[in-house]
Amino acid sequence: RLDMALPDPGLIHPDTGVRPKCRDGLTGEARLARMRRFE
């Protein structure tokens, strides 16, 4: 079996990393395109 569990960048909060709103500069379409490239 091939498992593919993509790491979720949202998992870095609330206790580590930056606040979610700090990432809001990446728009929905830009975020989706970035996620597609990463996948």
All heavy atoms as atom14 arrays in JSON, in Angstrom:
{
  "sequence": "RLDMALPDPGLIHPDTGVRPKCRDGLTGEARLARMRRFE",
  "atom14_mask": [
    [1, 1, 1, 1, 1, 1, 1, 1, 1, 1, 1, 0, 0, 0],
    [1, 1, 1, 1, 1, 1, 1, 1, 0, 0, 0, 0, 0, 0],
    [1, 1, 1, 1, 1, 1, 1, 1, 0, 0, 0, 0, 0, 0],
    [1, 1, 1, 1, 1, 1, 1, 1, 0, 0, 0, 0, 0, 0],
    [1, 1, 1, 1, 1, 0, 0, 0, 0, 0, 0, 0, 0, 0],
    [1, 1, 1, 1, 1, 1, 1, 1, 0, 0, 0, 0, 0, 0],
    [1, 1, 1, 1, 1, 1, 1, 0, 0, 0, 0, 0, 0, 0],
    [1, 1, 1, 1, 1, 1, 1, 1, 0, 0, 0, 0, 0, 0],
    [1, 1, 1, 1, 1, 1, 1, 0, 0, 0, 0, 0, 0, 0],
    [1, 1, 1, 1, 0, 0, 0, 0, 0, 0, 0, 0, 0, 0],
    [1, 1, 1, 1, 1, 1, 1, 1, 0, 0, 0, 0, 0, 0],
    [1, 1, 1, 1, 1, 1, 1, 1, 0, 0, 0, 0, 0, 0],
    [1, 1, 1, 1, 1, 1, 1, 1, 1, 1, 0, 0, 0, 0],
    [1, 1, 1, 1, 1, 1, 1, 0, 0, 0, 0, 0, 0, 0],
    [1, 1, 1, 1, 1, 1, 1, 1, 0, 0, 0, 0, 0, 0],
    [1, 1, 1, 1, 1, 1, 1, 0, 0, 0, 0, 0, 0, 0],
    [1, 1, 1, 1, 0, 0, 0, 0, 0, 0, 0, 0, 0, 0],
    [1, 1, 1, 1, 1, 1, 1, 0, 0, 0, 0, 0, 0, 0],
    [1, 1, 1, 1, 1, 1, 1, 1, 1, 1, 1, 0, 0, 0],
    [1, 1, 1, 1, 1, 1, 1, 0, 0, 0, 0, 0, 0, 0],
    [1, 1, 1, 1, 1, 1, 1, 1, 1, 0, 0, 0, 0, 0],
    [1, 1, 1, 1, 1, 1, 0, 0, 0, 0, 0, 0, 0, 0],
    [1, 1, 1, 1, 1, 1, 1, 1, 1, 1, 1, 0, 0, 0],
    [1, 1, 1, 1, 1, 1, 1, 1, 0, 0, 0, 0, 0, 0],
    [1, 1, 1, 1, 0, 0, 0, 0, 0, 0, 0, 0, 0, 0],
    [1, 1, 1, 1, 1, 1, 1, 1, 0, 0, 0, 0, 0, 0],
    [1, 1, 1, 1, 1, 1, 1, 0, 0, 0, 0, 0, 0, 0],
    [1, 1, 1, 1, 0, 0, 0, 0, 0, 0, 0, 0, 0, 0],
    [1, 1, 1, 1, 1, 1, 1, 1, 1, 0, 0, 0, 0, 0],
    [1, 1, 1, 1, 1, 0, 0, 0, 0, 0, 0, 0, 0, 0],
    [1, 1, 1, 1, 1, 1, 1, 1, 1, 1, 1, 0, 0, 0],
    [1, 1, 1, 1, 1, 1, 1, 1, 0, 0, 0, 0, 0, 0],
    [1, 1, 1, 1, 1, 0, 0, 0, 0, 0, 0, 0, 0, 0],
    [1, 1, 1, 1, 1, 1, 1, 1, 1, 1, 1, 0, 0, 0],
    [1, 1, 1, 1, 1, 1, 1, 1, 0, 0, 0, 0, 0, 0],
    [1, 1, 1, 1, 1, 1, 1, 1, 1, 1, 1, 0, 0, 0],
    [1, 1, 1, 1, 1, 1, 1, 1, 1, 1, 1, 0, 0, 0],
    [1, 1, 1, 1, 1, 1, 1, 1, 1, 1, 1, 0, 0, 0],
    [1, 1, 1, 1, 1, 1, 1, 1, 1, 0, 0, 0, 0, 0]
  ],
  "atom14_positions": [
    [[0.84, -1.2, 0.0], [0.0, 0.0, 0.0], [0.87, 1.25, 0.0], [1.83, 1.34, 0.75], [-0.92, 0.01, 1.22], [-1.89, 1.2, 1.24], [-2.85, 1.11, 2.42], [-2.16, 1.33, 3.69], [-2.65, 0.94, 4.86], [-3.78, 0.26, 4.93], [-1.97, 1.18, 5.97], [0.0, 0.0, 0.0], [0.0, 0.0, 0.0], [0.0, 0.0, 0.0]],
    [[0.48, 2.2, -0.84], [1.15, 3.5, -0.9], [0.29, 4.51, -0.16], [-0.82, 4.82, -0.57], [1.32, 3.93, -2.36], [1.95, 5.31, -2.59], [3.44, 5.27, -2.22], [1.79, 5.75, -4.03], [0.0, 0.0, 0.0], [0.0, 0.0, 0.0], [0.0, 0.0, 0.0], [0.0, 0.0, 0.0], [0.0, 0.0, 0.0], [0.0, 0.0, 0.0]],
    [[0.79, 5.0, 0.95], [0.1, 6.05, 1.71], [0.68, 7.4, 1.32], [1.89, 7.55, 1.17], [0.27, 5.84, 3.21], [-0.49, 4.63, 3.71], [-1.58, 4.35, 3.17], [0.0, 3.95, 4.63], [0.0, 0.0, 0.0], [0.0, 0.0, 0.0], [0.0, 0.0, 0.0], [0.0, 0.0, 0.0], [0.0, 0.0, 0.0], [0.0, 0.0, 0.0]],
    [[-0.21, 8.36, 1.18], [0.25, 9.71, 0.87], [-0.44, 10.67, 1.83], [-1.58, 11.05, 1.64], [-0.07, 10.09, -0.57], [0.4, 11.49, -0.94], [0.15, 11.85, -2.69], [0.44, 13.63, -2.71], [0.0, 0.0, 0.0], [0.0, 0.0, 0.0], [0.0, 0.0, 0.0], [0.0, 0.0, 0.0], [0.0, 0.0, 0.0], [0.0, 0.0, 0.0]],
    [[0.26, 10.99, 2.91], [-0.27, 11.91, 3.9], [0.49, 13.23, 3.79], [1.64, 13.33, 4.24], [-0.13, 11.33, 5.3], [0.0, 0.0, 0.0], [0.0, 0.0, 0.0], [0.0, 0.0, 0.0], [0.0, 0.0, 0.0], [0.0, 0.0, 0.0], [0.0, 0.0, 0.0], [0.0, 0.0, 0.0], [0.0, 0.0, 0.0], [0.0, 0.0, 0.0]],
    [[-0.13, 14.19, 3.16], [0.54, 15.49, 2.97], [0.6, 16.25, 4.29], [-0.4, 16.33, 5.0], [-0.21, 16.33, 1.94], [-0.12, 15.85, 0.5], [-1.1, 16.61, -0.36], [1.28, 16.02, -0.04], [0.0, 0.0, 0.0], [0.0, 0.0, 0.0], [0.0, 0.0, 0.0], [0.0, 0.0, 0.0], [0.0, 0.0, 0.0], [0.0, 0.0, 0.0]],
    [[1.76, 16.78, 4.62], [1.84, 17.6, 5.83], [0.96, 18.84, 5.7], [0.88, 19.46, 4.64], [3.32, 17.98, 5.91], [3.85, 17.79, 4.53], [3.05, 16.7, 3.9], [0.0, 0.0, 0.0], [0.0, 0.0, 0.0], [0.0, 0.0, 0.0], [0.0, 0.0, 0.0], [0.0, 0.0, 0.0], [0.0, 0.0, 0.0], [0.0, 0.0, 0.0]],
    [[0.27, 19.17, 6.77], [-0.66, 20.31, 6.78], [0.02, 21.51, 7.42], [0.33, 21.48, 8.62], [-1.92, 19.93, 7.57], [-2.94, 21.06, 7.62], [-2.68, 22.13, 7.02], [-3.98, 20.87, 8.26], [0.0, 0.0, 0.0], [0.0, 0.0, 0.0], [0.0, 0.0, 0.0], [0.0, 0.0, 0.0], [0.0, 0.0, 0.0], [0.0, 0.0, 0.0]],
    [[0.28, 22.57, 6.64], [0.96, 23.73, 7.23], [0.14, 24.38, 8.34], [0.67, 25.1, 9.17], [1.13, 24.69, 6.04], [0.11, 24.25, 5.05], [-0.04, 22.78, 5.22], [0.0, 0.0, 0.0], [0.0, 0.0, 0.0], [0.0, 0.0, 0.0], [0.0, 0.0, 0.0], [0.0, 0.0, 0.0], [0.0, 0.0, 0.0], [0.0, 0.0, 0.0]],
    [[-1.19, 24.12, 8.37], [-2.02, 24.67, 9.44], [-1.7, 24.06, 10.79], [-2.09, 24.59, 11.83], [0.0, 0.0, 0.0], [0.0, 0.0, 0.0], [0.0, 0.0, 0.0], [0.0, 0.0, 0.0], [0.0, 0.0, 0.0], [0.0, 0.0, 0.0], [0.0, 0.0, 0.0], [0.0, 0.0, 0.0], [0.0, 0.0, 0.0], [0.0, 0.0, 0.0]],
    [[-0.97, 22.94, 10.81], [-0.67, 22.28, 12.07], [0.38, 23.01, 12.89], [0.65, 22.62, 14.02], [-0.22, 20.85, 11.81], [-1.27, 19.9, 11.21], [-0.65, 18.54, 10.92], [-2.45, 19.74, 12.15], [0.0, 0.0, 0.0], [0.0, 0.0, 0.0], [0.0, 0.0, 0.0], [0.0, 0.0, 0.0], [0.0, 0.0, 0.0], [0.0, 0.0, 0.0]],
    [[0.99, 24.05, 12.34], [2.02, 24.74, 13.1], [1.43, 25.67, 14.17], [2.16, 26.2, 14.99], [2.95, 25.55, 12.19], [2.22, 26.73, 11.52], [3.61, 24.67, 11.17], [3.16, 27.66, 10.77], [0.0, 0.0, 0.0], [0.0, 0.0, 0.0], [0.0, 0.0, 0.0], [0.0, 0.0, 0.0], [0.0, 0.0, 0.0], [0.0, 0.0, 0.0]],
    [[0.14, 25.92, 14.16], [-0.45, 26.77, 15.19], [-1.41, 25.93, 16.02], [-1.79, 24.83, 15.6], [-1.15, 27.98, 14.54], [-2.38, 27.61, 13.75], [-3.61, 27.39, 14.34], [-2.56, 27.37, 12.43], [-4.49, 27.06, 13.4], [-3.88, 27.03, 12.24], [0.0, 0.0, 0.0], [0.0, 0.0, 0.0], [0.0, 0.0, 0.0], [0.0, 0.0, 0.0]],
    [[-1.83, 26.3, 17.23], [-1.66, 27.63, 17.82], [-0.42, 27.79, 18.68], [-0.08, 28.92, 19.08], [-2.92, 27.75, 18.68], [-3.15, 26.35, 19.15], [-2.77, 25.48, 18.0], [0.0, 0.0, 0.0], [0.0, 0.0, 0.0], [0.0, 0.0, 0.0], [0.0, 0.0, 0.0], [0.0, 0.0, 0.0], [0.0, 0.0, 0.0], [0.0, 0.0, 0.0]],
    [[0.25, 26.69, 19.03], [1.29, 26.8, 20.05], [2.68, 27.01, 19.49], [3.61, 27.31, 20.23], [1.28, 25.54, 20.93], [-0.04, 25.39, 21.67], [-0.55, 26.41, 22.14], [-0.55, 24.26, 21.75], [0.0, 0.0, 0.0], [0.0, 0.0, 0.0], [0.0, 0.0, 0.0], [0.0, 0.0, 0.0], [0.0, 0.0, 0.0], [0.0, 0.0, 0.0]],
    [[2.82, 26.8, 18.19], [4.11, 27.03, 17.56], [3.89, 27.82, 16.28], [2.79, 27.91, 15.77], [4.82, 25.71, 17.2], [4.0, 24.98, 16.29], [5.05, 24.86, 18.45], [0.0, 0.0, 0.0], [0.0, 0.0, 0.0], [0.0, 0.0, 0.0], [0.0, 0.0, 0.0], [0.0, 0.0, 0.0], [0.0, 0.0, 0.0], [0.0, 0.0, 0.0]],
    [[4.96, 28.37, 15.76], [4.84, 29.06, 14.48], [4.1, 30.39, 14.61], [3.97, 30.98, 15.68], [0.0, 0.0, 0.0], [0.0, 0.0, 0.0], [0.0, 0.0, 0.0], [0.0, 0.0, 0.0], [0.0, 0.0, 0.0], [0.0, 0.0, 0.0], [0.0, 0.0, 0.0], [0.0, 0.0, 0.0], [0.0, 0.0, 0.0], [0.0, 0.0, 0.0]],
    [[3.6, 30.85, 13.48], [2.96, 32.17, 13.42], [1.46, 32.03, 13.56], [0.9, 30.95, 13.46], [3.3, 32.88, 12.09], [4.79, 33.07, 11.96], [2.78, 32.09, 10.9], [0.0, 0.0, 0.0], [0.0, 0.0, 0.0], [0.0, 0.0, 0.0], [0.0, 0.0, 0.0], [0.0, 0.0, 0.0], [0.0, 0.0, 0.0], [0.0, 0.0, 0.0]],
    [[0.8, 33.17, 13.8], [-0.66, 33.18, 13.85], [-1.22, 32.96, 12.45], [-0.63, 33.39, 11.46], [-1.14, 34.51, 14.4], [-0.77, 34.73, 15.87], [-1.13, 36.13, 16.3], [-0.35, 37.11, 15.54], [-0.62, 38.41, 15.52], [-1.66, 38.88, 16.16], [0.14, 39.22, 14.82], [0.0, 0.0, 0.0], [0.0, 0.0, 0.0], [0.0, 0.0, 0.0]],
    [[-2.39, 32.29, 12.34], [-2.97, 32.03, 11.01], [-3.13, 33.28, 10.17], [-2.9, 33.25, 8.96], [-4.32, 31.41, 11.34], [-4.13, 30.78, 12.68], [-3.18, 31.69, 13.41], [0.0, 0.0, 0.0], [0.0, 0.0, 0.0], [0.0, 0.0, 0.0], [0.0, 0.0, 0.0], [0.0, 0.0, 0.0], [0.0, 0.0, 0.0], [0.0, 0.0, 0.0]],
    [[-3.5, 34.4, 10.79], [-3.76, 35.6, 10.0], [-2.49, 36.16, 9.36], [-2.56, 36.93, 8.41], [-4.44, 36.68, 10.83], [-3.57, 37.36, 11.86], [-4.35, 38.5, 12.52], [-3.47, 39.32, 13.45], [-4.23, 40.45, 14.04], [0.0, 0.0, 0.0], [0.0, 0.0, 0.0], [0.0, 0.0, 0.0], [0.0, 0.0, 0.0], [0.0, 0.0, 0.0]],
    [[-1.32, 35.74, 9.87], [-0.08, 36.2, 9.27], [0.13, 35.61, 7.88], [0.94, 36.11, 7.1], [1.11, 35.84, 10.16], [1.13, 36.67, 11.76], [0.0, 0.0, 0.0], [0.0, 0.0, 0.0], [0.0, 0.0, 0.0], [0.0, 0.0, 0.0], [0.0, 0.0, 0.0], [0.0, 0.0, 0.0], [0.0, 0.0, 0.0], [0.0, 0.0, 0.0]],
    [[-0.61, 34.54, 7.57], [-0.48, 33.92, 6.26], [-1.53, 34.43, 5.28], [-1.61, 33.94, 4.15], [-0.6, 32.4, 6.39], [0.48, 31.77, 7.24], [0.48, 30.25, 7.1], [-0.78, 29.66, 7.53], [-1.05, 29.28, 8.78], [-0.15, 29.47, 9.72], [-2.2, 28.75, 9.08], [0.0, 0.0, 0.0], [0.0, 0.0, 0.0], [0.0, 0.0, 0.0]],
    [[-2.34, 35.37, 5.7], [-3.44, 35.81, 4.85], [-2.98, 36.57, 3.61], [-3.77, 36.81, 2.7], [-4.42, 36.69, 5.65], [-5.24, 35.87, 6.64], [-5.21, 34.63, 6.5], [-5.87, 36.45, 7.53], [0.0, 0.0, 0.0], [0.0, 0.0, 0.0], [0.0, 0.0, 0.0], [0.0, 0.0, 0.0], [0.0, 0.0, 0.0], [0.0, 0.0, 0.0]],
    [[-1.71, 36.95, 3.56], [-1.22, 37.65, 2.38], [-1.19, 36.77, 1.15], [-1.14, 37.28, 0.02], [0.0, 0.0, 0.0], [0.0, 0.0, 0.0], [0.0, 0.0, 0.0], [0.0, 0.0, 0.0], [0.0, 0.0, 0.0], [0.0, 0.0, 0.0], [0.0, 0.0, 0.0], [0.0, 0.0, 0.0], [0.0, 0.0, 0.0], [0.0, 0.0, 0.0]],
    [[-1.22, 35.47, 1.35], [-1.28, 34.55, 0.21], [-2.75, 34.32, -0.13], [-3.49, 33.73, 0.65], [-0.61, 33.22, 0.58], [-0.24, 32.28, -0.56], [0.77, 32.93, -1.49], [0.34, 30.98, 0.0], [0.0, 0.0, 0.0], [0.0, 0.0, 0.0], [0.0, 0.0, 0.0], [0.0, 0.0, 0.0], [0.0, 0.0, 0.0], [0.0, 0.0, 0.0]],
    [[-3.17, 34.82, -1.27], [-4.57, 34.76, -1.64], [-5.02, 33.33, -1.89], [-4.2, 32.42, -2.02], [-4.83, 35.58, -2.91], [-4.16, 34.94, -4.01], [-4.35, 37.0, -2.76], [0.0, 0.0, 0.0], [0.0, 0.0, 0.0], [0.0, 0.0, 0.0], [0.0, 0.0, 0.0], [0.0, 0.0, 0.0], [0.0, 0.0, 0.0], [0.0, 0.0, 0.0]],
    [[-6.32, 33.13, -1.99], [-6.87, 31.8, -2.21], [-6.31, 31.12, -3.43], [-5.87, 29.97, -3.37], [0.0, 0.0, 0.0], [0.0, 0.0, 0.0], [0.0, 0.0, 0.0], [0.0, 0.0, 0.0], [0.0, 0.0, 0.0], [0.0, 0.0, 0.0], [0.0, 0.0, 0.0], [0.0, 0.0, 0.0], [0.0, 0.0, 0.0], [0.0, 0.0, 0.0]],
    [[-6.29, 31.82, -4.57], [-5.79, 31.21, -5.81], [-4.3, 30.97, -5.74], [-3.81, 29.93, -6.19], [-6.13, 32.12, -7.0], [-7.61, 32.14, -7.36], [-7.85, 32.91, -8.65], [-6.86, 33.36, -9.26], [-9.03, 33.06, -9.02], [0.0, 0.0, 0.0], [0.0, 0.0, 0.0], [0.0, 0.0, 0.0], [0.0, 0.0, 0.0], [0.0, 0.0, 0.0]],
    [[-3.57, 31.9, -5.17], [-2.12, 31.73, -5.04], [-1.79, 30.58, -4.1], [-0.88, 29.8, -4.34], [-1.48, 33.02, -4.56], [0.0, 0.0, 0.0], [0.0, 0.0, 0.0], [0.0, 0.0, 0.0], [0.0, 0.0, 0.0], [0.0, 0.0, 0.0], [0.0, 0.0, 0.0], [0.0, 0.0, 0.0], [0.0, 0.0, 0.0], [0.0, 0.0, 0.0]],
    [[-2.56, 30.48, -3.01], [-2.34, 29.39, -2.06], [-2.62, 28.05, -2.71], [-1.88, 27.08, -2.52], [-3.24, 29.59, -0.84], [-3.02, 28.58, 0.27], [-3.96, 28.84, 1.43], [-3.77, 30.18, 1.96], [-4.63, 30.79, 2.78], [-5.75, 30.18, 3.12], [-4.38, 32.0, 3.24], [0.0, 0.0, 0.0], [0.0, 0.0, 0.0], [0.0, 0.0, 0.0]],
    [[-3.69, 27.98, -3.51], [-4.04, 26.74, -4.19], [-2.95, 26.33, -5.18], [-2.55, 25.17, -5.24], [-5.38, 26.9, -4.9], [-5.9, 25.65, -5.63], [-6.17, 24.52, -4.64], [-7.17, 25.99, -6.41], [0.0, 0.0, 0.0], [0.0, 0.0, 0.0], [0.0, 0.0, 0.0], [0.0, 0.0, 0.0], [0.0, 0.0, 0.0], [0.0, 0.0, 0.0]],
    [[-2.47, 27.31, -5.95], [-1.43, 27.02, -6.92], [-0.15, 26.53, -6.23], [0.51, 25.6, -6.71], [-1.13, 28.26, -7.76], [0.0, 0.0, 0.0], [0.0, 0.0, 0.0], [0.0, 0.0, 0.0], [0.0, 0.0, 0.0], [0.0, 0.0, 0.0], [0.0, 0.0, 0.0], [0.0, 0.0, 0.0], [0.0, 0.0, 0.0], [0.0, 0.0, 0.0]],
    [[0.18, 27.17, -5.11], [1.36, 26.76, -4.35], [1.2, 25.33, -3.82], [2.13, 24.52, -3.86], [1.57, 27.74, -3.2], [2.81, 27.47, -2.35], [4.09, 27.86, -3.07], [5.25, 27.61, -2.26], [5.76, 28.49, -1.38], [5.18, 29.67, -1.21], [6.83, 28.2, -0.69], [0.0, 0.0, 0.0], [0.0, 0.0, 0.0], [0.0, 0.0, 0.0]],
    [[0.0, 25.02, -3.33], [-0.27, 23.69, -2.81], [-0.17, 22.64, -3.91], [0.37, 21.56, -3.71], [-1.65, 23.64, -2.16], [-2.0, 22.29, -1.52], [-3.57, 22.32, -0.63], [-4.71, 22.44, -2.02], [0.0, 0.0, 0.0], [0.0, 0.0, 0.0], [0.0, 0.0, 0.0], [0.0, 0.0, 0.0], [0.0, 0.0, 0.0], [0.0, 0.0, 0.0]],
    [[-0.68, 22.99, -5.11], [-0.61, 22.06, -6.24], [0.84, 21.75, -6.6], [1.19, 20.6, -6.86], [-1.35, 22.63, -7.45], [-2.83, 22.88, -7.3], [-3.56, 21.67, -6.79], [-5.0, 21.83, -6.86], [-5.84, 21.34, -5.97], [-5.39, 20.66, -4.94], [-7.15, 21.5, -6.12], [0.0, 0.0, 0.0], [0.0, 0.0, 0.0], [0.0, 0.0, 0.0]],
    [[1.66, 22.77, -6.64], [3.08, 22.55, -6.97], [3.75, 21.66, -5.93], [4.53, 20.78, -6.25], [3.83, 23.88, -7.08], [3.42, 24.74, -8.27], [4.45, 25.82, -8.54], [4.63, 26.71, -7.41], [3.89, 27.81, -7.18], [2.92, 28.13, -8.03], [4.14, 28.57, -6.14], [0.0, 0.0, 0.0], [0.0, 0.0, 0.0], [0.0, 0.0, 0.0]],
    [[3.41, 21.92, -4.67], [3.99, 21.13, -3.59], [3.53, 19.68, -3.68], [4.33, 18.74, -3.51], [3.58, 21.71, -2.23], [3.98, 20.84, -1.07], [5.3, 20.77, -0.67], [3.03, 20.1, -0.39], [5.67, 19.96, 0.39], [3.38, 19.29, 0.67], [4.71, 19.22, 1.07], [0.0, 0.0, 0.0], [0.0, 0.0, 0.0], [0.0, 0.0, 0.0]],
    [[2.26, 19.45, -3.97], [1.74, 18.08, -4.06], [2.42, 17.31, -5.19], [2.73, 16.12, -5.04], [0.22, 18.09, -4.26], [-0.55, 18.47, -3.01], [-2.05, 18.26, -3.16], [-2.49, 17.75, -4.21], [-2.78, 18.61, -2.23], [0.0, 0.0, 0.0], [0.0, 0.0, 0.0], [0.0, 0.0, 0.0], [0.0, 0.0, 0.0], [0.0, 0.0, 0.0]]
  ]
}
